[in-house]
C-alpha atoms as a PDB file:
ATOM      1  CA  MET A   1      46.961 174.635  23.361  1.00  0.00           C
ATOM      2  CA  THR A   2      50.623 174.985  24.064  1.00  0.00           C
ATOM      3  CA  GLU A   3      53.230 172.314  23.411  1.00  0.00           C
ATOM      4  CA  PRO A   4      53.678 171.354  27.110  1.00  0.00           C
ATOM      5  CA  GLU A   5      49.895 170.927  27.544  1.00  0.00           C
ATOM      6  CA  LYS A   6      49.774 168.569  24.516  1.00  0.00           C
ATOM      7  CA  GLU A   7      52.631 166.495  25.959  1.00  0.00           C
ATOM      8  CA  SER A   8      51.007 166.229  29.391  1.00  0.00           C
ATOM      9  CA  LYS A   9      47.726 165.030  27.812  1.00  0.00           C
ATOM     10  CA  GLN A  10      49.593 162.343  25.926  1.00  0.00           C
ATOM     11  CA  GLN A  11      51.433 161.167  29.052  1.00  0.00           C
ATOM     12  CA  LYS A  12      48.345 160.765  31.257  1.00  0.00           C
ATOM     13  CA  GLY A  13      47.588 157.129  32.041  1.00  0.00           C
ATOM     14  CA  LEU A  14      49.103 154.008  30.570  1.00  0.00           C
ATOM     15  CA  SER A  15      49.009 153.116  26.927  1.00  0.00           C
ATOM     16  CA  LYS A  16      46.932 150.233  25.609  1.00  0.00           C
ATOM     17  CA  GLU A  17      50.118 148.245  25.044  1.00  0.00           C
ATOM     18  CA  ALA A  18      51.176 148.735  28.671  1.00  0.00           C
ATOM     19  CA  TRP A  19      47.742 147.585  29.931  1.00  0.00           C
ATOM     20  CA  ALA A  20      47.904 144.532  27.667  1.00  0.00           C
ATOM     21  CA  ALA A  21      51.348 143.641  29.007  1.00  0.00           C
ATOM     22  CA  ILE A  22      50.242 144.091  32.640  1.00  0.00           C
ATOM     23  CA  SER A  23      47.138 141.971  32.032  1.00  0.00           C
ATOM     24  CA  ALA A  24      49.222 139.182  30.493  1.00  0.00           C
ATOM     25  CA  ILE A  25      51.589 139.197  33.478  1.00  0.00           C
ATOM     26  CA  VAL A  26      48.710 139.097  35.988  1.00  0.00           C
ATOM     27  CA  VAL A  27      47.021 136.206  34.152  1.00  0.00           C
ATOM     28  CA  ALA A  28      50.314 134.288  34.038  1.00  0.00           C
ATOM     29  CA  LEU A  29      50.918 134.860  37.766  1.00  0.00           C
ATOM     30  CA  ILE A  30      47.410 133.754  38.717  1.00  0.00           C
ATOM     31  CA  GLY A  31      47.671 130.675  36.511  1.00  0.00           C
ATOM     32  CA  GLY A  32      51.050 129.807  38.002  1.00  0.00           C
ATOM     33  CA  MET A  33      49.775 130.212  41.560  1.00  0.00           C
ATOM     34  CA  ILE A  34      46.761 128.010  40.841  1.00  0.00           C
ATOM     35  CA  THR A  35      49.034 125.348  39.352  1.00  0.00           C
ATOM     36  CA  ILE A  36      51.377 125.462  42.360  1.00  0.00           C
ATOM     37  CA  PHE A  37      48.550 125.232  44.900  1.00  0.00           C
ATOM     38  CA  THR A  38      46.870 122.432  42.962  1.00  0.00           C
ATOM     39  CA  VAL A  39      50.075 120.392  42.976  1.00  0.00           C
ATOM     40  CA  MET A  40      50.895 121.164  46.621  1.00  0.00           C
ATOM     41  CA  TRP A  41      47.445 120.473  48.062  1.00  0.00           C
ATOM     42  CA  ARG A  42      46.531 117.455  45.985  1.00  0.00           C
ATOM     43  CA  PRO A  43      46.559 114.352  48.230  1.00  0.00           C
ATOM     44  CA  SER A  44      48.773 111.533  47.059  1.00  0.00           C
ATOM     45  CA  PRO A  45      46.933 108.625  45.414  1.00  0.00           C
ATOM     46  CA  GLY A  46      45.454 106.280  47.977  1.00  0.00           C
ATOM     47  CA  SER A  47      45.848 108.653  50.920  1.00  0.00           C
ATOM     48  CA  PRO A  48      42.736 109.276  52.991  1.00  0.00           C
ATOM     49  CA  PRO A  49      41.483 112.792  53.633  1.00  0.00           C
ATOM     50  CA  SER A  50      42.396 114.634  56.837  1.00  0.00           C
ATOM     51  CA  PRO A  51      40.171 113.979  59.826  1.00  0.00           C
ATOM     52  CA  PRO A  52      36.916 115.922  59.624  1.00  0.00           C
ATOM     53  CA  VAL A  53      36.353 118.805  62.003  1.00  0.00           C
ATOM     54  CA  SER A  54      33.086 118.376  63.825  1.00  0.00           C
ATOM     55  CA  SER A  55      31.290 120.037  66.686  1.00  0.00           C
ATOM     56  CA  THR A  56      30.258 116.588  67.971  1.00  0.00           C
ATOM     57  CA  PRO A  57      33.118 114.660  69.536  1.00  0.00           C
ATOM     58  CA  PRO A  58      33.823 111.350  67.832  1.00  0.00           C
ATOM     59  CA  GLY A  59      32.828 108.412  69.971  1.00  0.00           C
ATOM     60  CA  SER A  60      29.945 110.263  71.602  1.00  0.00           C
ATOM     61  CA  PRO A  61      26.610 108.482  71.217  1.00  0.00           C
ATOM     62  CA  SER A  62      25.358 110.879  68.524  1.00  0.00           C
ATOM     63  CA  ALA A  63      28.613 110.633  66.570  1.00  0.00           C
ATOM     64  CA  ARG A  64      28.708 106.836  66.732  1.00  0.00           C
ATOM     65  CA  THR A  65      25.169 106.433  65.463  1.00  0.00           C
ATOM     66  CA  SER A  66      25.611 108.852  62.572  1.00  0.00           C
ATOM     67  CA  VAL A  67      28.471 106.969  60.907  1.00  0.00           C
ATOM     68  CA  PRO A  68      27.407 103.903  58.915  1.00  0.00           C
ATOM     69  CA  PRO A  69      29.715 100.912  59.270  1.00  0.00           C
ATOM     70  CA  VAL A  70      32.162 100.724  56.386  1.00  0.00           C
ATOM     71  CA  SER A  71      35.168  98.484  56.051  1.00  0.00           C
ATOM     72  CA  PRO A  72      38.433 100.429  56.026  1.00  0.00           C
ATOM     73  CA  SER A  73      40.057 101.150  52.697  1.00  0.00           C
ATOM     74  CA  PRO A  74      43.281  99.291  51.966  1.00  0.00           C
ATOM     75  CA  PRO A  75      46.253 101.264  53.328  1.00  0.00           C
ATOM     76  CA  ASP A  76      49.043 102.622  51.170  1.00  0.00           C
ATOM     77  CA  GLN A  77      51.837 100.017  51.147  1.00  0.00           C
ATOM     78  CA  SER A  78      54.648 102.548  51.685  1.00  0.00           C
ATOM     79  CA  SER A  79      53.338 103.851  54.996  1.00  0.00           C
ATOM     80  CA  SER A  80      51.127 100.968  56.099  1.00  0.00           C
ATOM     81  CA  SER A  81      53.980  99.352  58.029  1.00  0.00           C
ATOM     82  CA  SER A  82      54.554 102.364  60.296  1.00  0.00           C
ATOM     83  CA  ALA A  83      50.806 102.960  60.613  1.00  0.00           C
ATOM     84  CA  GLN A  84      50.277  99.315  61.581  1.00  0.00           C
ATOM     85  CA  LYS A  85      53.011  99.638  64.220  1.00  0.00           C
ATOM     86  CA  LEU A  86      51.272 102.719  65.628  1.00  0.00           C
ATOM     87  CA  VAL A  87      47.925 100.871  65.741  1.00  0.00           C
ATOM     88  CA  GLU A  88      49.554  97.946  67.568  1.00  0.00           C
ATOM     89  CA  ALA A  89      51.373 100.245  69.993  1.00  0.00           C
ATOM     90  CA  LEU A  90      48.165 102.173  70.714  1.00  0.00           C
ATOM     91  CA  ASP A  91      46.304  98.905  71.260  1.00  0.00           C
ATOM     92  CA  ALA A  92      48.979  97.854  73.782  1.00  0.00           C
ATOM     93  CA  VAL A  93      48.137 100.948  75.863  1.00  0.00           C
ATOM     94  CA  ASN A  94      44.349 100.360  75.475  1.00  0.00           C
ATOM     95  CA  ILE A  95      43.710 103.037  72.884  1.00  0.00           C
ATOM     96  CA  ASP A  96      41.649 102.176  69.811  1.00  0.00           C
ATOM     97  CA  PHE A  97      39.330 103.957  67.365  1.00  0.00           C
ATOM     98  CA  SER A  98      35.596 104.680  67.478  1.00  0.00           C
ATOM     99  CA  ASP A  99      35.437 104.065  63.725  1.00  0.00           C
ATOM    100  CA  PRO A 100      37.888 101.718  61.948  1.00  0.00           C
ATOM    101  CA  ARG A 101      38.213 104.246  59.109  1.00  0.00           C
ATOM    102  CA  GLU A 102      39.925 106.643  61.529  1.00  0.00           C
ATOM    103  CA  ARG A 103      42.969 104.325  61.525  1.00  0.00           C
ATOM    104  CA  ASP A 104      43.528 105.254  57.884  1.00  0.00           C
ATOM    105  CA  HIS A 105      44.565 108.746  58.983  1.00  0.00           C
ATOM    106  CA  LEU A 106      47.720 107.231  60.491  1.00  0.00           C
ATOM    107  CA  ASN A 107      48.801 106.598  56.855  1.00  0.00           C
ATOM    108  CA  ASN A 108      48.271 110.224  55.875  1.00  0.00           C
ATOM    109  CA  PRO A 109      51.450 112.330  56.179  1.00  0.00           C
ATOM    110  CA  PHE A 110      49.330 115.511  56.096  1.00  0.00           C
ATOM    111  CA  SER A 111      47.223 114.389  59.063  1.00  0.00           C
ATOM    112  CA  LYS A 112      48.195 115.236  62.631  1.00  0.00           C
ATOM    113  CA  TYR A 113      47.191 111.708  63.737  1.00  0.00           C
ATOM    114  CA  PRO A 114      50.663 110.096  63.346  1.00  0.00           C
ATOM    115  CA  GLN A 115      52.385 112.871  65.314  1.00  0.00           C
ATOM    116  CA  PHE A 116      49.662 112.848  67.965  1.00  0.00           C
ATOM    117  CA  ALA A 117      49.759 109.034  68.288  1.00  0.00           C
ATOM    118  CA  GLU A 118      53.517 109.119  68.810  1.00  0.00           C
ATOM    119  CA  GLY A 119      53.100 111.902  71.386  1.00  0.00           C
ATOM    120  CA  CYS A 120      50.484 109.871  73.296  1.00  0.00           C
ATOM    121  CA  LEU A 121      52.709 106.783  73.287  1.00  0.00           C
ATOM    122  CA  LYS A 122      55.719 108.800  74.435  1.00  0.00           C
ATOM    123  CA  PHE A 123      53.654 110.392  77.191  1.00  0.00           C
ATOM    124  CA  LEU A 124      52.245 107.089  78.477  1.00  0.00           C
ATOM    125  CA  ASN A 125      55.745 105.546  78.428  1.00  0.00           C
ATOM    126  CA  HIS A 126      55.461 102.454  80.702  1.00  0.00           C
ATOM    127  CA  GLN A 127      51.796 102.964  81.527  1.00  0.00           C
ATOM    128  CA  ARG A 128      48.545 102.055  79.871  1.00  0.00           C
ATOM    129  CA  LEU A 129      44.915 102.936  80.354  1.00  0.00           C
ATOM    130  CA  LYS A 130      43.010 100.564  82.640  1.00  0.00           C
ATOM    131  CA  ASN A 131      40.227 100.257  80.052  1.00  0.00           C
ATOM    132  CA  LYS A 132      39.957 101.185  76.380  1.00  0.00           C
ATOM    133  CA  ALA A 133      39.551 104.771  75.209  1.00  0.00           C
ATOM    134  CA  TYR A 134      39.073 106.051  71.668  1.00  0.00           C
ATOM    135  CA  PHE A 135      42.098 107.721  70.060  1.00  0.00           C
ATOM    136  CA  ASP A 136      39.939 109.993  67.921  1.00  0.00           C
ATOM    137  CA  VAL A 137      38.046 111.166  71.026  1.00  0.00           C
ATOM    138  CA  ILE A 138      41.323 111.880  72.844  1.00  0.00           C
ATOM    139  CA  PHE A 139      42.499 113.790  69.743  1.00  0.00           C
ATOM    140  CA  TRP A 140      39.226 115.719  69.530  1.00  0.00           C
ATOM    141  CA  ASN A 141      39.274 116.624  73.249  1.00  0.00           C
ATOM    142  CA  TYR A 142      42.909 117.711  73.030  1.00  0.00           C
ATOM    143  CA  THR A 143      42.482 119.879  69.947  1.00  0.00           C
ATOM    144  CA  GLU A 144      39.197 121.304  71.228  1.00  0.00           C
ATOM    145  CA  GLU A 145      40.947 122.461  74.404  1.00  0.00           C
ATOM    146  CA  LEU A 146      43.712 124.084  72.346  1.00  0.00           C
ATOM    147  CA  GLY A 147      41.322 125.807  69.960  1.00  0.00           C
ATOM    148  CA  GLY A 148      41.752 123.352  67.071  1.00  0.00           C
ATOM    149  CA  SER A 149      45.538 123.104  67.250  1.00  0.00           C
ATOM    150  CA  VAL A 150      47.798 120.088  67.677  1.00  0.00           C
ATOM    151  CA  ILE A 151      51.003 122.077  67.759  1.00  0.00           C
ATOM    152  CA  THR A 152      53.472 120.571  70.177  1.00  0.00           C
ATOM    153  CA  ASP A 153      54.955 122.763  72.849  1.00  0.00           C
ATOM    154  CA  SER A 154      58.525 121.529  72.528  1.00  0.00           C
ATOM    155  CA  PRO A 155      61.053 120.799  69.793  1.00  0.00           C
ATOM    156  CA  THR A 156      61.098 117.106  70.832  1.00  0.00           C
ATOM    157  CA  GLY A 157      57.442 116.682  69.859  1.00  0.00           C
ATOM    158  CA  ASP A 158      56.048 116.471  73.384  1.00  0.00           C
ATOM    159  CA  LEU A 159      52.381 117.312  73.692  1.00  0.00           C
ATOM    160  CA  ASN A 160      50.967 119.669  76.297  1.00  0.00           C
ATOM    161  CA  THR A 161      50.960 117.321  79.297  1.00  0.00           C
ATOM    162  CA  ASN A 162      48.089 118.791  81.305  1.00  0.00           C
ATOM    163  CA  THR A 163      45.867 119.135  78.252  1.00  0.00           C
ATOM    164  CA  LEU A 164      46.641 115.562  77.175  1.00  0.00           C
ATOM    165  CA  LYS A 165      45.848 114.191  80.649  1.00  0.00           C
ATOM    166  CA  ALA A 166      42.500 116.000  80.686  1.00  0.00           C
ATOM    167  CA  ALA A 167      41.719 114.817  77.125  1.00  0.00           C
ATOM    168  CA  MET A 168      42.483 111.201  78.062  1.00  0.00           C
ATOM    169  CA  VAL A 169      40.346 111.365  81.222  1.00  0.00           C
ATOM    170  CA  LYS A 170      37.402 112.804  79.255  1.00  0.00           C
ATOM    171  CA  ALA A 171      37.744 110.180  76.505  1.00  0.00           C
ATOM    172  CA  TYR A 172      38.081 107.398  79.088  1.00  0.00           C
ATOM    173  CA  ASN A 173      34.933 108.553  80.893  1.00  0.00           C
ATOM    174  CA  THR A 174      33.026 108.885  77.605  1.00  0.00           C
ATOM    175  CA  ARG A 175      33.930 105.354  76.499  1.00  0.00           C
ATOM    176  CA  ASN A 176      33.528 103.604  79.838  1.00  0.00           C
ATOM    177  CA  GLY A 177      30.692 105.565  81.417  1.00  0.00           C
ATOM    178  CA  SER A 178      32.926 106.278  84.394  1.00  0.00           C
ATOM    179  CA  ASN A 179      33.523 109.370  86.493  1.00  0.00           C
ATOM    180  CA  ALA A 180      37.311 109.342  86.829  1.00  0.00           C
ATOM    181  CA  LEU A 181      38.541 112.688  88.106  1.00  0.00           C
ATOM    182  CA  SER A 182      42.275 112.453  87.538  1.00  0.00           C
ATOM    183  CA  PHE A 183      44.760 110.872  85.187  1.00  0.00           C
ATOM    184  CA  GLY A 184      46.005 108.626  87.982  1.00  0.00           C
ATOM    185  CA  ASP A 185      42.523 107.073  88.195  1.00  0.00           C
ATOM    186  CA  ILE A 186      42.655 105.756  84.622  1.00  0.00           C
ATOM    187  CA  VAL A 187      46.226 104.431  84.224  1.00  0.00           C
ATOM    188  CA  GLU A 188      48.176 101.439  85.441  1.00  0.00           C
ATOM    189  CA  THR A 189      51.706 100.160  84.969  1.00  0.00           C
ATOM    190  CA  ARG A 190      52.251  98.173  81.801  1.00  0.00           C
ATOM    191  CA  ASN A 191      53.586  94.646  82.167  1.00  0.00           C
END
């Protein structure tokens, strides 16, 4: 074998030391990524989980019977004030929750409930629903229509108006056993 052939055989592939160094770097990167994701995705103490995704709309007869009554967990003190204000504001426009535990999601900064509640209140402005409708059913109808999304369609946080109207009418009809056809049929001016 000639000298160049011996050199080319020696240079084929990576040395054991190089593989050991690459393996150590990969393990460190994976460990670091796991640590970062664990810290980022860990809910803060006392915060409730995000709303569950279900194929059965909340507030429908089958959904209401499948959830055993449980008293709501105590809210986190830091955000309970703003969540309580949202609950009161929603109540003033005749929107409540099919399950009291759903209110806890207004305390969760990772939930879309606070943003959606504010969007509903902004949309209703000086109006209210004639009769009660469930917030979680409105949310479910809205996100179902948008393929699971709650992304607002404007930088000011406005919700998709037509989709929200349809979601409110459906939720209103579900709760009240009515056959309202339009948004105008279910709202009245607030005093």
